[in-house]
Amino acid sequence: MAATKTGLISERPRTNGLDKTTRTDESFTTLLSRLGDDVMDLVNSQFALFKVEIKEEANAYARGAAMIGVGAVITIIGFALLNVAIAFGVSTLFANAGFSQPSSYALGFVVTGAFYLLVGAVVVLAIKSRLTKQALVPKRTVEELRKDKEWLKNEL
């Protein structure tokens, strides 16, 4: 047998039923043996093809996940730079109010940070409220278990 990228290929010459002398001289057990070998060759090649396809799919997903990771890092950097720009923008409002430059920068960053803390707290509280309304016990499963318990009581 020879191995290829997609599987195993039998090196035994195939007659495809054209050589009648070979076909008639073979016994039934030989034919069954050849059929079994051919089926095993087919299964082996299909399994090898399956493994190759799975590896290709896994590689494609790995490349995609790596690209998503790179995109996420770039997005985080952009978000951080945007927040710094917002903080400097807010600090210019305080500079016009007569504060010194360092204190106006500090106030700009404090106000921007406080804004994000407030938004984050609102999101956390909203999600917490939503989660407390959800039942953690699976209702259908509990109901089925109750029915099974009743059935067992009635049977015993």
C-alpha atoms as a PDB file:
ATOM      1  CA  MET A   1       0.000   0.000   0.000  1.00  0.00           C
ATOM      2  CA  ALA A   2       1.219   3.506  -0.796  1.00  0.00           C
ATOM      3  CA  ALA A   3       0.446   6.543   1.331  1.00  0.00           C
ATOM      4  CA  THR A   4      -0.754   9.776  -0.226  1.00  0.00           C
ATOM      5  CA  LYS A   5      -1.899  13.097   1.183  1.00  0.00           C
ATOM      6  CA  THR A   6      -5.488  11.945   1.353  1.00  0.00           C
ATOM      7  CA  GLY A   7      -4.971   8.360   2.433  1.00  0.00           C
ATOM      8  CA  LEU A   8      -3.812   4.932   1.481  1.00  0.00           C
ATOM      9  CA  ILE A   9      -3.981   3.572  -2.045  1.00  0.00           C
ATOM     10  CA  SER A  10      -3.805  -0.104  -2.779  1.00  0.00           C
ATOM     11  CA  GLU A  11      -0.954  -1.101  -5.059  1.00  0.00           C
ATOM     12  CA  ARG A  12      -2.770  -4.272  -6.138  1.00  0.00           C
ATOM     13  CA  PRO A  13      -3.803  -4.019  -9.794  1.00  0.00           C
ATOM     14  CA  ARG A  14      -7.540  -3.846 -10.276  1.00  0.00           C
ATOM     15  CA  THR A  15      -9.269  -5.776 -13.036  1.00  0.00           C
ATOM     16  CA  ASN A  16     -12.679  -4.076 -12.819  1.00  0.00           C
ATOM     17  CA  GLY A  17     -14.280  -7.347 -13.896  1.00  0.00           C
ATOM     18  CA  LEU A  18     -12.676  -7.334 -17.363  1.00  0.00           C
ATOM     19  CA  ASP A  19     -10.399 -10.360 -16.841  1.00  0.00           C
ATOM     20  CA  LYS A  20     -12.896 -13.231 -16.784  1.00  0.00           C
ATOM     21  CA  THR A  21     -10.318 -15.970 -16.240  1.00  0.00           C
ATOM     22  CA  THR A  22      -9.165 -14.412 -12.987  1.00  0.00           C
ATOM     23  CA  ARG A  23     -12.715 -13.867 -11.815  1.00  0.00           C
ATOM     24  CA  THR A  24     -13.952 -17.381 -12.461  1.00  0.00           C
ATOM     25  CA  ASP A  25     -10.904 -19.057 -10.947  1.00  0.00           C
ATOM     26  CA  GLU A  26     -11.185 -17.211  -7.621  1.00  0.00           C
ATOM     27  CA  SER A  27     -13.103 -18.826  -4.806  1.00  0.00           C
ATOM     28  CA  PHE A  28     -15.887 -17.177  -2.912  1.00  0.00           C
ATOM     29  CA  THR A  29     -13.721 -16.736   0.196  1.00  0.00           C
ATOM     30  CA  THR A  30     -11.017 -15.039  -1.872  1.00  0.00           C
ATOM     31  CA  LEU A  31     -13.576 -12.674  -3.310  1.00  0.00           C
ATOM     32  CA  LEU A  32     -14.910 -11.916   0.177  1.00  0.00           C
ATOM     33  CA  SER A  33     -11.359 -11.362   1.394  1.00  0.00           C
ATOM     34  CA  ARG A  34     -10.675  -8.955  -1.472  1.00  0.00           C
ATOM     35  CA  LEU A  35     -13.972  -7.197  -0.787  1.00  0.00           C
ATOM     36  CA  GLY A  36     -13.018  -6.841   2.875  1.00  0.00           C
ATOM     37  CA  ASP A  37      -9.605  -5.477   1.909  1.00  0.00           C
ATOM     38  CA  ASP A  38     -11.192  -3.028  -0.508  1.00  0.00           C
ATOM     39  CA  VAL A  39     -13.673  -1.879   2.121  1.00  0.00           C
ATOM     40  CA  MET A  40     -10.840  -1.406   4.625  1.00  0.00           C
ATOM     41  CA  ASP A  41      -8.856   0.550   2.015  1.00  0.00           C
ATOM     42  CA  LEU A  42     -11.891   2.741   1.416  1.00  0.00           C
ATOM     43  CA  VAL A  43     -12.467   3.308   5.131  1.00  0.00           C
ATOM     44  CA  ASN A  44      -8.773   4.065   5.697  1.00  0.00           C
ATOM     45  CA  SER A  45      -8.685   6.574   2.840  1.00  0.00           C
ATOM     46  CA  GLN A  46     -11.886   8.225   4.012  1.00  0.00           C
ATOM     47  CA  PHE A  47     -10.519   8.440   7.548  1.00  0.00           C
ATOM     48  CA  ALA A  48      -7.227   9.892   6.284  1.00  0.00           C
ATOM     49  CA  LEU A  49      -9.151  12.449   4.221  1.00  0.00           C
ATOM     50  CA  PHE A  50     -11.236  13.303   7.278  1.00  0.00           C
ATOM     51  CA  LYS A  51      -8.086  13.874   9.356  1.00  0.00           C
ATOM     52  CA  VAL A  52      -6.561  16.106   6.676  1.00  0.00           C
ATOM     53  CA  GLU A  53      -9.749  18.159   6.402  1.00  0.00           C
ATOM     54  CA  ILE A  54     -10.012  18.524  10.184  1.00  0.00           C
ATOM     55  CA  LYS A  55      -6.390  19.707  10.353  1.00  0.00           C
ATOM     56  CA  GLU A  56      -7.026  22.245   7.599  1.00  0.00           C
ATOM     57  CA  GLU A  57     -10.148  23.526   9.369  1.00  0.00           C
ATOM     58  CA  ALA A  58      -8.308  23.751  12.699  1.00  0.00           C
ATOM     59  CA  ASN A  59      -5.470  25.685  11.060  1.00  0.00           C
ATOM     60  CA  ALA A  60      -7.954  28.083   9.469  1.00  0.00           C
ATOM     61  CA  TYR A  61      -9.651  28.678  12.817  1.00  0.00           C
ATOM     62  CA  ALA A  62      -6.285  29.159  14.550  1.00  0.00           C
ATOM     63  CA  ARG A  63      -5.249  31.748  11.956  1.00  0.00           C
ATOM     64  CA  GLY A  64      -8.596  33.499  12.343  1.00  0.00           C
ATOM     65  CA  ALA A  65      -8.312  33.507  16.137  1.00  0.00           C
ATOM     66  CA  ALA A  66      -4.808  34.964  15.907  1.00  0.00           C
ATOM     67  CA  MET A  67      -6.056  37.728  13.617  1.00  0.00           C
ATOM     68  CA  ILE A  68      -8.929  38.459  16.008  1.00  0.00           C
ATOM     69  CA  GLY A  69      -6.387  38.691  18.832  1.00  0.00           C
ATOM     70  CA  VAL A  70      -4.268  41.152  16.853  1.00  0.00           C
ATOM     71  CA  GLY A  71      -7.373  43.189  16.075  1.00  0.00           C
ATOM     72  CA  ALA A  72      -8.369  43.198  19.751  1.00  0.00           C
ATOM     73  CA  VAL A  73      -4.934  44.472  20.798  1.00  0.00           C
ATOM     74  CA  ILE A  74      -5.078  47.240  18.198  1.00  0.00           C
ATOM     75  CA  THR A  75      -8.602  48.152  19.334  1.00  0.00           C
ATOM     76  CA  ILE A  76      -7.541  48.314  22.991  1.00  0.00           C
ATOM     77  CA  ILE A  77      -4.633  50.593  22.097  1.00  0.00           C
ATOM     78  CA  GLY A  78      -6.980  52.835  20.104  1.00  0.00           C
ATOM     79  CA  PHE A  79      -9.472  52.914  22.978  1.00  0.00           C
ATOM     80  CA  ALA A  80      -6.728  53.876  25.443  1.00  0.00           C
ATOM     81  CA  LEU A  81      -5.479  56.652  23.169  1.00  0.00           C
ATOM     82  CA  LEU A  82      -9.023  57.931  22.706  1.00  0.00           C
ATOM     83  CA  ASN A  83      -9.498  58.054  26.475  1.00  0.00           C
ATOM     84  CA  VAL A  84      -6.252  59.991  26.902  1.00  0.00           C
ATOM     85  CA  ALA A  85      -7.438  62.445  24.260  1.00  0.00           C
ATOM     86  CA  ILE A  86     -10.780  62.829  26.026  1.00  0.00           C
ATOM     87  CA  ALA A  87      -8.991  63.428  29.332  1.00  0.00           C
ATOM     88  CA  PHE A  88      -6.787  66.096  27.734  1.00  0.00           C
ATOM     89  CA  GLY A  89      -9.869  67.660  26.161  1.00  0.00           C
ATOM     90  CA  VAL A  90     -11.604  67.837  29.510  1.00  0.00           C
ATOM     91  CA  SER A  91      -8.425  69.269  31.053  1.00  0.00           C
ATOM     92  CA  THR A  92      -8.535  72.181  28.596  1.00  0.00           C
ATOM     93  CA  LEU A  93     -11.925  73.101  30.051  1.00  0.00           C
ATOM     94  CA  PHE A  94     -10.306  73.350  33.477  1.00  0.00           C
ATOM     95  CA  ALA A  95      -7.342  75.306  32.082  1.00  0.00           C
ATOM     96  CA  ASN A  96      -9.761  78.020  30.976  1.00  0.00           C
ATOM     97  CA  ALA A  97     -11.155  78.089  34.537  1.00  0.00           C
ATOM     98  CA  GLY A  98      -7.861  79.428  35.868  1.00  0.00           C
ATOM     99  CA  PHE A  99      -6.306  76.206  37.239  1.00  0.00           C
ATOM    100  CA  SER A 100      -2.609  75.503  36.802  1.00  0.00           C
ATOM    101  CA  GLN A 101      -1.619  73.186  33.963  1.00  0.00           C
ATOM    102  CA  PRO A 102      -0.801  70.138  36.150  1.00  0.00           C
ATOM    103  CA  SER A 103      -3.986  70.493  38.183  1.00  0.00           C
ATOM    104  CA  SER A 104      -6.124  70.928  35.055  1.00  0.00           C
ATOM    105  CA  TYR A 105      -4.570  67.743  33.584  1.00  0.00           C
ATOM    106  CA  ALA A 106      -5.189  65.912  36.835  1.00  0.00           C
ATOM    107  CA  LEU A 107      -8.808  67.072  36.980  1.00  0.00           C
ATOM    108  CA  GLY A 108      -9.314  66.108  33.332  1.00  0.00           C
ATOM    109  CA  PHE A 109      -8.114  62.551  33.982  1.00  0.00           C
ATOM    110  CA  VAL A 110     -10.092  62.311  37.253  1.00  0.00           C
ATOM    111  CA  VAL A 111     -13.314  63.443  35.571  1.00  0.00           C
ATOM    112  CA  THR A 112     -12.787  61.038  32.660  1.00  0.00           C
ATOM    113  CA  GLY A 113     -11.994  58.166  35.049  1.00  0.00           C
ATOM    114  CA  ALA A 114     -15.021  58.974  37.206  1.00  0.00           C
ATOM    115  CA  PHE A 115     -17.228  58.945  34.110  1.00  0.00           C
ATOM    116  CA  TYR A 116     -16.008  55.454  33.163  1.00  0.00           C
ATOM    117  CA  LEU A 117     -16.461  54.249  36.763  1.00  0.00           C
ATOM    118  CA  LEU A 118     -20.032  55.532  36.734  1.00  0.00           C
ATOM    119  CA  VAL A 119     -20.839  53.907  33.381  1.00  0.00           C
ATOM    120  CA  GLY A 120     -19.228  50.635  34.509  1.00  0.00           C
ATOM    121  CA  ALA A 121     -21.182  50.636  37.786  1.00  0.00           C
ATOM    122  CA  VAL A 122     -24.464  51.200  35.936  1.00  0.00           C
ATOM    123  CA  VAL A 123     -23.710  48.311  33.569  1.00  0.00           C
ATOM    124  CA  VAL A 124     -22.746  45.982  36.445  1.00  0.00           C
ATOM    125  CA  LEU A 125     -25.885  46.844  38.430  1.00  0.00           C
ATOM    126  CA  ALA A 126     -28.115  46.364  35.378  1.00  0.00           C
ATOM    127  CA  ILE A 127     -26.609  42.943  34.655  1.00  0.00           C
ATOM    128  CA  LYS A 128     -26.823  41.973  38.334  1.00  0.00           C
ATOM    129  CA  SER A 129     -30.488  42.933  38.382  1.00  0.00           C
ATOM    130  CA  ARG A 130     -31.132  40.900  35.251  1.00  0.00           C
ATOM    131  CA  LEU A 131     -29.316  37.861  36.679  1.00  0.00           C
ATOM    132  CA  THR A 132     -31.217  37.959  39.973  1.00  0.00           C
ATOM    133  CA  LYS A 133     -34.478  37.685  38.045  1.00  0.00           C
ATOM    134  CA  GLN A 134     -33.308  34.481  36.371  1.00  0.00           C
ATOM    135  CA  ALA A 135     -33.921  31.226  38.162  1.00  0.00           C
ATOM    136  CA  LEU A 136     -30.803  29.131  38.538  1.00  0.00           C
ATOM    137  CA  VAL A 137     -32.792  25.926  38.964  1.00  0.00           C
ATOM    138  CA  PRO A 138     -33.779  24.304  35.654  1.00  0.00           C
ATOM    139  CA  LYS A 139     -37.582  24.194  35.907  1.00  0.00           C
ATOM    140  CA  ARG A 140     -38.228  21.512  33.299  1.00  0.00           C
ATOM    141  CA  THR A 141     -35.636  19.162  34.768  1.00  0.00           C
ATOM    142  CA  VAL A 142     -37.033  19.590  38.280  1.00  0.00           C
ATOM    143  CA  GLU A 143     -40.552  18.953  36.982  1.00  0.00           C
ATOM    144  CA  GLU A 144     -39.420  15.780  35.206  1.00  0.00           C
ATOM    145  CA  LEU A 145     -37.678  14.594  38.374  1.00  0.00           C
ATOM    146  CA  ARG A 146     -40.875  15.203  40.350  1.00  0.00           C
ATOM    147  CA  LYS A 147     -42.859  13.196  37.820  1.00  0.00           C
ATOM    148  CA  ASP A 148     -40.326  10.361  38.011  1.00  0.00           C
ATOM    149  CA  LYS A 149     -40.499  10.400  41.810  1.00  0.00           C
ATOM    150  CA  GLU A 150     -44.295  10.201  41.724  1.00  0.00           C
ATOM    151  CA  TRP A 151     -44.172   7.397  39.180  1.00  0.00           C
ATOM    152  CA  LEU A 152     -41.719   5.445  41.356  1.00  0.00           C
ATOM    153  CA  LYS A 153     -43.929   5.927  44.424  1.00  0.00           C
ATOM    154  CA  ASN A 154     -46.949   4.631  42.511  1.00  0.00           C
ATOM    155  CA  GLU A 155     -45.039   1.646  41.109  1.00  0.00           C
ATOM    156  CA  LEU A 156     -43.562   0.597  44.450  1.00  0.00           C
END
